[in-house]
């Protein structure tokens, strides 16, 4: 793919979009950005990027050789439709980076656990003496890294359904699908569309590649029969009995596919301190633990947090609406949670889902929620921020939400 003097229009000026524009410029292309919001402060004219803001225009899109979609932009969006009607190839930011990637890729997707598993795999590879690039949905765009890679490197790529649906030629040597549960129904029209987007991680794999699947996920058994890659199951009857975390088992299996011994994986598991915003201990105050689980953006992530926490819980949850049904968590919430505080756009849905199962309240802000939690908690309890949904009603992203929670908790006296 030669971008020299070609016009590449990127739809969306968030982190991934700006990274894609920068890659295009570095490869000699003419980078253009079309952004629906007013003002793009980071994409300054000194970068040589042509920008339109405040909406997408047909003429701007059509004046392109390729169109690249940011993860937040659907494949059936109007700009994408204009581009395809003009005969232009439409791809995502991950696909653009892949076309210039000189080294093998381990790609990790799933409804939950992607960041933890991707991080574990990267640490195992490092322990085995390999040079690793950890990027993708984890917050480090693939396009910012691809020109720094060598053929002897390995990319560990966390990849979401949003990124997968805009792939074309993308082909990881090892593709890991951790799990599948209700998620992103604000973006995908139904669970079938969501499943099909995730499944694209295997589309271009061949007989020399590896597909790593969760044995405990029934629908993956039929899927495995249709794949061209060598299928390796984790979390099944043959898994090590002393490791009960599926993310760890998935990381070990992916490493095994590359010839890395179980012993090296186990060394990493012993040393691993976890990832920021995922069941992250913040502090203990007056005998109460404060845990930041802002990375919890699904009901199943909330289930995992509840199951992993042994102390009585004051739980803070809620955020923007992803059309998730939480009622299946009622028995677990009733068993584990002393008091629940609902926040954000979906707080009424949270209250309706758990009415009668737990004592509940609500708060207009995260600060108010933390202060309420402190007053409700007694020594020996745990205050858990596990929102179980996205953050975009109140925060930029889950990292922003988690950092704000840690700031508030750190300021308690």
Protein backbone atom coordinates (compact mmCIF):
# COMPACT_ATOMS: atom_id res chain seq x y z
CA UNK A 1 0.00 0.00 0.00
CA UNK A 2 1.67 3.19 -1.19
CA UNK A 3 0.34 6.35 0.43
CA UNK A 4 2.77 8.81 -1.16
CA UNK A 5 0.83 11.85 -2.42
CA UNK A 6 -2.46 10.00 -1.81
CA UNK A 7 -5.33 11.74 -0.02
CA UNK A 8 -6.39 9.76 3.06
CA UNK A 9 -9.46 11.04 4.86
CA UNK A 10 -9.81 9.99 8.50
CA UNK A 11 -13.28 10.13 10.03
CA UNK A 12 -13.00 11.20 13.66
CA UNK A 13 -10.39 13.31 15.44
CA UNK A 14 -10.02 11.42 18.72
CA UNK A 15 -6.82 9.63 19.73
CA UNK A 16 -6.93 6.92 17.05
CA UNK A 17 -7.92 9.33 14.30
CA UNK A 18 -5.08 11.72 15.05
CA UNK A 19 -2.64 8.80 15.23
CA UNK A 20 -3.81 7.58 11.81
CA UNK A 21 -3.41 11.06 10.35
CA UNK A 22 0.11 11.28 11.72
CA UNK A 23 1.02 7.91 10.16
CA UNK A 24 -0.34 9.02 6.79
CA UNK A 25 1.76 12.19 6.94
CA UNK A 26 4.90 10.24 7.89
CA UNK A 27 4.36 7.94 4.91
CA UNK A 28 4.15 10.84 2.48
CA UNK A 29 0.37 10.93 2.17
CA UNK A 30 -1.98 13.88 2.43
CA UNK A 31 -3.87 13.50 5.72
CA UNK A 32 -7.39 14.89 5.98
CA UNK A 33 -9.64 14.72 9.05
CA UNK A 34 -13.41 15.03 9.10
CA UNK A 35 -14.83 15.52 12.59
CA UNK A 36 -18.49 15.86 13.56
CA UNK A 37 -17.74 17.98 16.63
CA UNK A 38 -16.79 21.65 16.53
CA UNK A 39 -13.08 22.38 16.97
CA UNK A 40 -10.16 19.97 16.91
CA UNK A 41 -7.57 21.44 19.23
CA UNK A 42 -4.91 18.75 18.87
CA UNK A 43 -4.78 18.52 15.06
CA UNK A 44 -3.04 21.82 14.44
CA UNK A 45 -2.33 23.15 10.92
CA UNK A 46 1.44 22.94 11.62
CA UNK A 47 1.06 19.17 11.22
CA UNK A 48 0.02 19.69 7.63
CA UNK A 49 -3.37 18.08 8.23
CA UNK A 50 -6.43 19.33 6.34
CA UNK A 51 -9.39 19.51 8.72
CA UNK A 52 -13.14 20.01 8.60
CA UNK A 53 -15.10 20.20 11.87
CA UNK A 54 -18.70 20.59 12.91
CA UNK A 55 -19.96 17.86 10.57
CA UNK A 56 -19.01 15.67 7.61
CA UNK A 57 -19.41 16.94 4.04
CA UNK A 58 -19.80 14.73 1.00
CA UNK A 59 -17.33 16.66 -1.16
CA UNK A 60 -14.64 16.47 1.53
CA UNK A 61 -15.07 12.70 1.86
CA UNK A 62 -15.21 12.06 -1.88
CA UNK A 63 -11.98 14.00 -2.46
CA UNK A 64 -9.95 11.03 -1.19
CA UNK A 65 -8.05 7.95 -2.31
CA UNK A 66 -8.83 6.01 0.89
CA UNK A 67 -11.11 6.59 3.89
CA UNK A 68 -10.11 5.48 7.40
CA UNK A 69 -12.68 5.19 10.17
CA UNK A 70 -11.92 5.82 13.83
CA UNK A 71 -13.25 3.06 16.15
CA UNK A 72 -16.20 5.22 17.21
CA UNK A 73 -17.52 5.46 13.63
CA UNK A 74 -19.81 2.73 12.29
CA UNK A 75 -19.16 1.01 8.95
CA UNK A 76 -22.65 2.06 7.82
CA UNK A 77 -22.18 5.71 8.81
CA UNK A 78 -22.95 8.34 6.19
CA UNK A 79 -19.28 9.21 5.48
CA UNK A 80 -18.56 5.50 4.92
CA UNK A 81 -21.56 5.20 2.59
CA UNK A 82 -20.42 8.24 0.59
CA UNK A 83 -16.94 6.75 0.28
CA UNK A 84 -18.13 3.33 -0.88
CA UNK A 85 -20.55 4.90 -3.39
CA UNK A 86 -17.52 6.71 -4.86
CA UNK A 87 -15.64 3.39 -5.08
CA UNK A 88 -13.19 4.21 -2.30
CA UNK A 89 -11.77 1.55 0.02
CA UNK A 90 -12.98 2.08 3.60
CA UNK A 91 -10.97 0.66 6.48
CA UNK A 92 -10.34 1.18 10.18
CA UNK A 93 -7.28 2.52 11.98
CA UNK A 94 -6.14 -1.00 12.91
CA UNK A 95 -6.37 -2.15 9.29
CA UNK A 96 -4.31 0.84 8.16
CA UNK A 97 -1.56 0.03 10.68
CA UNK A 98 -1.66 -3.69 9.84
CA UNK A 99 -0.79 -3.01 6.21
CA UNK A 100 2.56 -1.59 7.31
CA UNK A 101 3.29 -4.07 10.12
CA UNK A 102 6.45 -6.15 9.51
CA UNK A 103 6.06 -8.59 12.41
CA UNK A 104 3.70 -11.20 13.91
CA UNK A 105 0.60 -10.09 15.82
CA UNK A 106 -1.14 -11.65 18.81
CA UNK A 107 -4.64 -10.14 18.87
CA UNK A 108 -6.90 -10.34 21.92
CA UNK A 109 -10.63 -9.66 21.93
CA UNK A 110 -13.54 -10.46 24.24
CA UNK A 111 -16.37 -8.80 26.12
CA UNK A 112 -14.25 -8.70 29.30
CA UNK A 113 -10.63 -9.16 30.31
CA UNK A 114 -8.93 -7.89 27.15
CA UNK A 115 -6.60 -5.45 28.86
CA UNK A 116 -5.48 -7.83 31.59
CA UNK A 117 -4.88 -10.68 29.15
CA UNK A 118 -3.06 -8.52 26.62
CA UNK A 119 -0.83 -7.14 29.35
CA UNK A 120 -0.08 -10.63 30.67
CA UNK A 121 0.83 -11.92 27.20
CA UNK A 122 3.15 -8.96 26.66
CA UNK A 123 4.86 -9.58 30.01
CA UNK A 124 5.29 -13.30 29.24
CA UNK A 125 6.89 -12.51 25.89
CA UNK A 126 9.24 -10.01 27.53
CA UNK A 127 10.18 -12.59 30.16
CA UNK A 128 10.96 -14.98 27.29
CA UNK A 129 13.38 -12.43 25.84
CA UNK A 130 11.26 -11.05 23.02
CA UNK A 131 10.85 -7.41 22.04
CA UNK A 132 7.15 -6.58 22.39
CA UNK A 133 4.82 -3.77 21.40
CA UNK A 134 1.58 -3.63 23.42
CA UNK A 135 -0.97 -1.45 21.66
CA UNK A 136 -4.49 -1.08 20.28
CA UNK A 137 -7.64 -0.65 22.33
CA UNK A 138 -5.51 -0.60 25.47
CA UNK A 139 -4.99 3.13 24.82
CA UNK A 140 -1.90 3.10 22.60
CA UNK A 141 -3.01 3.29 18.93
CA UNK A 142 -1.42 0.72 16.61
CA UNK A 143 -0.71 3.47 14.07
CA UNK A 144 1.60 5.30 16.49
CA UNK A 145 3.84 2.23 16.82
CA UNK A 146 3.92 0.47 13.47
CA UNK A 147 6.80 2.39 11.87
CA UNK A 148 9.03 1.62 14.88
CA UNK A 149 8.63 -2.15 14.53
CA UNK A 150 11.12 -4.71 13.23
CA UNK A 151 10.42 -8.12 11.73
CA UNK A 152 11.76 -9.77 14.90
CA UNK A 153 9.30 -7.93 17.16
CA UNK A 154 5.89 -9.15 18.28
CA UNK A 155 2.78 -6.98 18.51
CA UNK A 156 0.26 -7.74 21.26
CA UNK A 157 -2.89 -5.99 20.13
CA UNK A 158 -5.99 -5.49 22.25
CA UNK A 159 -8.81 -5.20 19.73
CA UNK A 160 -12.48 -4.34 20.19
CA UNK A 161 -15.53 -5.22 18.11
CA UNK A 162 -15.56 -1.60 16.90
CA UNK A 163 -12.05 -2.03 15.52
CA UNK A 164 -12.65 -5.52 14.14
CA UNK A 165 -15.70 -4.62 12.08
CA UNK A 166 -13.59 -2.25 9.95
CA UNK A 167 -10.82 -4.77 9.21
CA UNK A 168 -10.29 -6.22 5.73
CA UNK A 169 -6.95 -8.02 5.40
CA UNK A 170 -6.08 -8.06 9.12
CA UNK A 171 -4.48 -11.39 10.04
CA UNK A 172 -3.01 -12.14 13.48
CA UNK A 173 -0.72 -15.13 13.91
CA UNK A 174 -2.46 -15.83 17.22
CA UNK A 175 -6.07 -14.68 17.73
CA UNK A 176 -7.54 -14.91 21.24
CA UNK A 177 -11.29 -14.65 21.91
CA UNK A 178 -11.73 -14.60 25.67
CA UNK A 179 -15.49 -14.61 26.16
CA UNK A 180 -18.76 -13.33 24.79
CA UNK A 181 -21.55 -11.62 26.72
CA UNK A 182 -24.05 -8.80 26.35
CA UNK A 183 -22.21 -5.57 25.53
CA UNK A 184 -22.19 -2.55 23.19
CA UNK A 185 -25.86 -2.85 22.26
CA UNK A 186 -25.83 0.93 21.99
CA UNK A 187 -23.54 0.43 18.95
CA UNK A 188 -24.45 -3.01 17.54
CA UNK A 189 -28.08 -3.56 16.55
CA UNK A 190 -28.19 -6.95 18.32
CA UNK A 191 -26.02 -9.70 19.80
CA UNK A 192 -25.70 -11.41 16.42
CA UNK A 193 -24.08 -8.35 14.86
CA UNK A 194 -21.80 -8.05 17.90
CA UNK A 195 -20.80 -11.74 17.62
CA UNK A 196 -20.09 -11.43 13.88
CA UNK A 197 -17.88 -8.39 14.47
CA UNK A 198 -15.84 -10.28 17.08
CA UNK A 199 -15.57 -13.32 14.80
CA UNK A 200 -13.71 -11.27 12.18
CA UNK A 201 -10.55 -11.73 14.26
CA UNK A 202 -10.24 -15.19 12.62
CA UNK A 203 -11.34 -14.34 9.05
CA UNK A 204 -7.95 -14.25 7.35
CA UNK A 205 -6.13 -16.82 9.45
CA UNK A 206 -4.68 -19.93 7.79
CA UNK A 207 -3.60 -23.39 8.84
CA UNK A 208 -0.31 -22.13 10.31
CA UNK A 209 -2.05 -19.64 12.62
CA UNK A 210 -3.65 -20.22 16.03
CA UNK A 211 -7.15 -19.51 17.33
CA UNK A 212 -7.34 -19.47 21.14
CA UNK A 213 -10.88 -19.99 22.47
CA UNK A 214 -12.60 -20.28 25.84
CA UNK A 215 -13.80 -23.88 26.28
CA UNK A 216 -16.41 -22.74 28.83
CA UNK A 217 -18.18 -20.64 26.17
CA UNK A 218 -20.61 -23.07 24.51
CA UNK A 219 -21.00 -21.11 21.27
CA UNK A 220 -17.25 -21.28 20.67
CA UNK A 221 -17.39 -25.07 20.15
CA UNK A 222 -19.35 -24.72 16.91
CA UNK A 223 -17.24 -21.74 15.91
CA UNK A 224 -14.06 -23.79 16.31
CA UNK A 225 -15.25 -26.28 13.69
CA UNK A 226 -15.46 -23.55 11.04
CA UNK A 227 -11.99 -22.05 11.56
CA UNK A 228 -8.99 -22.63 9.32
CA UNK A 229 -6.47 -21.95 12.10
CA UNK A 230 -5.26 -24.47 14.68
CA UNK A 231 -7.69 -24.24 17.59
CA UNK A 232 -6.35 -24.19 21.14
CA UNK A 233 -8.90 -24.19 23.96
CA UNK A 234 -8.28 -22.74 27.42
CA UNK A 235 -10.39 -22.89 30.57
CA UNK A 236 -11.37 -26.49 29.88
CA UNK A 237 -10.98 -29.88 31.59
CA UNK A 238 -7.31 -30.10 30.62
CA UNK A 239 -6.39 -26.68 32.06
CA UNK A 240 -4.11 -26.50 35.12
CA UNK A 241 -6.30 -26.90 38.19
CA UNK A 242 -4.30 -24.45 40.31
CA UNK A 243 -5.08 -21.48 37.99
CA UNK A 244 -8.71 -20.41 38.26
CA UNK A 245 -8.49 -17.10 36.38
CA UNK A 246 -9.52 -17.56 32.71
CA UNK A 247 -7.45 -14.54 31.67
CA UNK A 248 -4.30 -16.18 33.00
CA UNK A 249 -5.16 -19.44 31.24
CA UNK A 250 -5.73 -17.60 27.96
CA UNK A 251 -2.39 -15.80 28.25
CA UNK A 252 -0.59 -19.07 29.00
CA UNK A 253 -2.24 -20.77 26.01
CA UNK A 254 -1.35 -17.91 23.64
CA UNK A 255 2.25 -18.04 24.84
CA UNK A 256 2.31 -21.82 24.38
CA UNK A 257 1.27 -21.30 20.74
CA UNK A 258 4.53 -19.38 20.28
CA UNK A 259 6.60 -22.06 21.97
CA UNK A 260 6.97 -20.34 25.35
CA UNK A 261 7.04 -22.68 28.32
CA UNK A 262 4.38 -22.82 31.03
CA UNK A 263 7.12 -22.16 33.59
CA UNK A 264 7.80 -18.69 32.15
CA UNK A 265 4.09 -17.87 32.20
CA UNK A 266 3.82 -18.94 35.82
CA UNK A 267 6.76 -16.71 36.78
CA UNK A 268 4.92 -13.74 35.27
CA UNK A 269 1.68 -14.62 37.08
CA UNK A 270 3.50 -14.58 40.43
CA UNK A 271 5.01 -11.15 39.71
CA UNK A 272 1.95 -9.58 38.07
CA UNK A 273 0.45 -6.66 40.00
CA UNK A 274 -2.64 -6.20 37.83
CA UNK A 275 -3.61 -3.35 35.54
CA UNK A 276 -4.70 0.14 36.47
CA UNK A 277 -8.47 0.59 36.93
CA UNK A 278 -9.14 -3.17 37.18
CA UNK A 279 -9.81 -4.19 40.80
CA UNK A 280 -7.07 -1.74 41.78
CA UNK A 281 -6.59 -1.17 45.50
CA UNK A 282 -6.49 2.59 46.16
CA UNK A 283 -6.21 2.86 49.94
CA UNK A 284 -7.54 1.60 53.26
CA UNK A 285 -9.09 4.27 55.48
CA UNK A 286 -10.69 3.61 58.89
CA UNK A 287 -10.55 -0.12 58.13
CA UNK A 288 -12.39 0.28 54.80
CA UNK A 289 -10.76 -0.76 51.50
CA UNK A 290 -11.36 1.44 48.45
CA UNK A 291 -11.16 -0.43 45.13
CA UNK A 292 -11.07 1.18 41.68
CA UNK A 293 -12.68 -1.08 39.06
CA UNK A 294 -13.49 1.63 36.54
CA UNK A 295 -12.46 -0.76 33.74
CA UNK A 296 -15.70 -2.61 34.53
CA UNK A 297 -17.89 -1.58 31.57
CA UNK A 298 -20.17 -4.64 31.31
CA UNK A 299 -22.43 -6.66 33.58
CA UNK A 300 -20.02 -9.61 33.38
CA UNK A 301 -17.13 -7.39 34.47
CA UNK A 302 -19.25 -6.40 37.45
CA UNK A 303 -19.95 -10.07 38.15
CA UNK A 304 -16.22 -10.80 38.18
CA UNK A 305 -15.58 -7.93 40.61
CA UNK A 306 -18.33 -9.14 42.95
CA UNK A 307 -17.09 -12.72 42.86
CA UNK A 308 -13.48 -11.68 43.52
CA UNK A 309 -14.28 -9.46 46.50
CA UNK A 310 -14.63 -11.23 49.85
CA UNK A 311 -15.61 -8.30 52.10
CA UNK A 312 -19.09 -6.76 52.46
CA UNK A 313 -19.48 -4.20 49.68
CA UNK A 314 -20.64 -0.65 49.26
CA UNK A 315 -20.91 -0.62 45.46
CA UNK A 316 -20.88 2.44 43.20
CA UNK A 317 -22.18 1.70 39.69
CA UNK A 318 -23.76 3.34 36.66
CA UNK A 319 -22.77 5.60 33.79
CA UNK A 320 -23.83 5.99 30.17
CA UNK A 321 -26.41 3.71 28.57
CA UNK A 322 -25.16 0.63 26.67
CA UNK A 323 -28.58 -1.12 26.80
CA UNK A 324 -27.30 -3.84 29.13
CA UNK A 325 -29.67 -6.02 31.19
CA UNK A 326 -28.41 -6.30 34.78
CA UNK A 327 -31.16 -8.45 36.29
CA UNK A 328 -29.15 -11.67 36.10
CA UNK A 329 -26.84 -10.17 38.73
CA UNK A 330 -29.61 -9.80 41.34
CA UNK A 331 -28.77 -12.98 43.32
CA UNK A 332 -25.06 -12.12 43.49
CA UNK A 333 -25.72 -8.49 44.41
CA UNK A 334 -28.14 -9.61 47.12
CA UNK A 335 -25.46 -11.92 48.53
CA UNK A 336 -22.44 -9.60 48.36
CA UNK A 337 -23.58 -5.96 48.49
CA UNK A 338 -24.61 -4.10 51.67
CA UNK A 339 -25.49 -0.88 49.90
CA UNK A 340 -25.54 0.22 46.26
CA UNK A 341 -25.13 3.78 44.97
CA UNK A 342 -26.30 4.41 41.41
CA UNK A 343 -24.82 7.25 39.36
CA UNK A 344 -24.99 8.60 35.84
CA UNK A 345 -27.40 8.32 32.95
CA UNK A 346 -28.59 4.78 33.82
CA UNK A 347 -29.07 5.19 37.55
CA UNK A 348 -32.84 4.66 37.26
CA UNK A 349 -32.24 1.45 35.29
CA UNK A 350 -29.78 0.29 37.96
CA UNK A 351 -32.30 1.03 40.70
CA UNK A 352 -35.05 -0.83 38.82
CA UNK A 353 -32.80 -3.83 38.14
CA UNK A 354 -31.85 -4.28 41.80
CA UNK A 355 -34.95 -2.95 43.60
CA UNK A 356 -35.73 -5.21 46.55
CA UNK A 357 -32.41 -7.07 46.32
CA UNK A 358 -30.28 -4.49 48.10
CA UNK A 359 -30.54 -1.20 49.97
CA UNK A 360 -29.95 1.55 47.44
CA UNK A 361 -29.37 5.23 46.92
CA UNK A 362 -28.22 7.51 44.12
CA UNK A 363 -25.80 10.39 43.66
CA UNK A 364 -25.49 13.25 41.20
CA UNK A 365 -21.70 13.03 41.02
CA UNK A 366 -18.87 10.63 41.73
CA UNK A 367 -17.76 12.85 44.61
CA UNK A 368 -21.20 12.60 46.22
CA UNK A 369 -21.20 8.83 45.67
CA UNK A 370 -17.83 8.38 47.38
CA UNK A 371 -18.85 10.50 50.33
CA UNK A 372 -22.10 8.54 50.70
CA UNK A 373 -20.17 5.29 50.47
CA UNK A 374 -17.80 6.41 53.21
CA UNK A 375 -20.67 7.13 55.57
CA UNK A 376 -22.36 3.80 54.78
CA UNK A 377 -19.19 1.71 55.20
CA UNK A 378 -17.94 0.23 58.47
CA UNK A 379 -14.52 -1.15 59.34
CA UNK A 380 -14.04 -4.42 57.45
CA UNK A 381 -16.14 -3.30 54.47
CA UNK A 382 -15.03 -2.47 50.94
CA UNK A 383 -16.08 0.50 48.80
CA UNK A 384 -16.05 -0.74 45.20
CA UNK A 385 -16.35 1.46 42.11
CA UNK A 386 -17.48 -1.07 39.49
CA UNK A 387 -19.70 0.91 37.09
CA UNK A 388 -20.65 -2.01 34.77
CA UNK A 389 -21.09 0.40 31.86
CA UNK A 390 -19.33 3.11 29.87
CA UNK A 391 -18.36 6.51 31.26
CA UNK A 392 -19.18 8.95 28.48
CA UNK A 393 -22.07 10.69 30.24
CA UNK A 394 -19.75 12.09 32.93
CA UNK A 395 -16.15 11.40 31.86
CA UNK A 396 -13.91 11.21 28.79
CA UNK A 397 -13.34 7.47 29.22
CA UNK A 398 -12.96 4.81 31.91
CA UNK A 399 -9.38 5.98 32.66
CA UNK A 400 -10.63 9.49 33.40
CA UNK A 401 -13.36 8.03 35.63
CA UNK A 402 -10.91 5.80 37.49
CA UNK A 403 -8.35 8.56 38.02
CA UNK A 404 -11.04 10.89 39.34
CA UNK A 405 -12.19 8.18 41.77
CA UNK A 406 -8.63 7.75 43.02
CA UNK A 407 -8.24 11.51 43.44
CA UNK A 408 -11.45 11.75 45.47
CA UNK A 409 -10.55 8.76 47.65
CA UNK A 410 -7.00 10.02 48.21
CA UNK A 411 -8.37 13.35 49.46
CA UNK A 412 -10.58 11.74 52.12
CA UNK A 413 -9.35 12.53 55.64
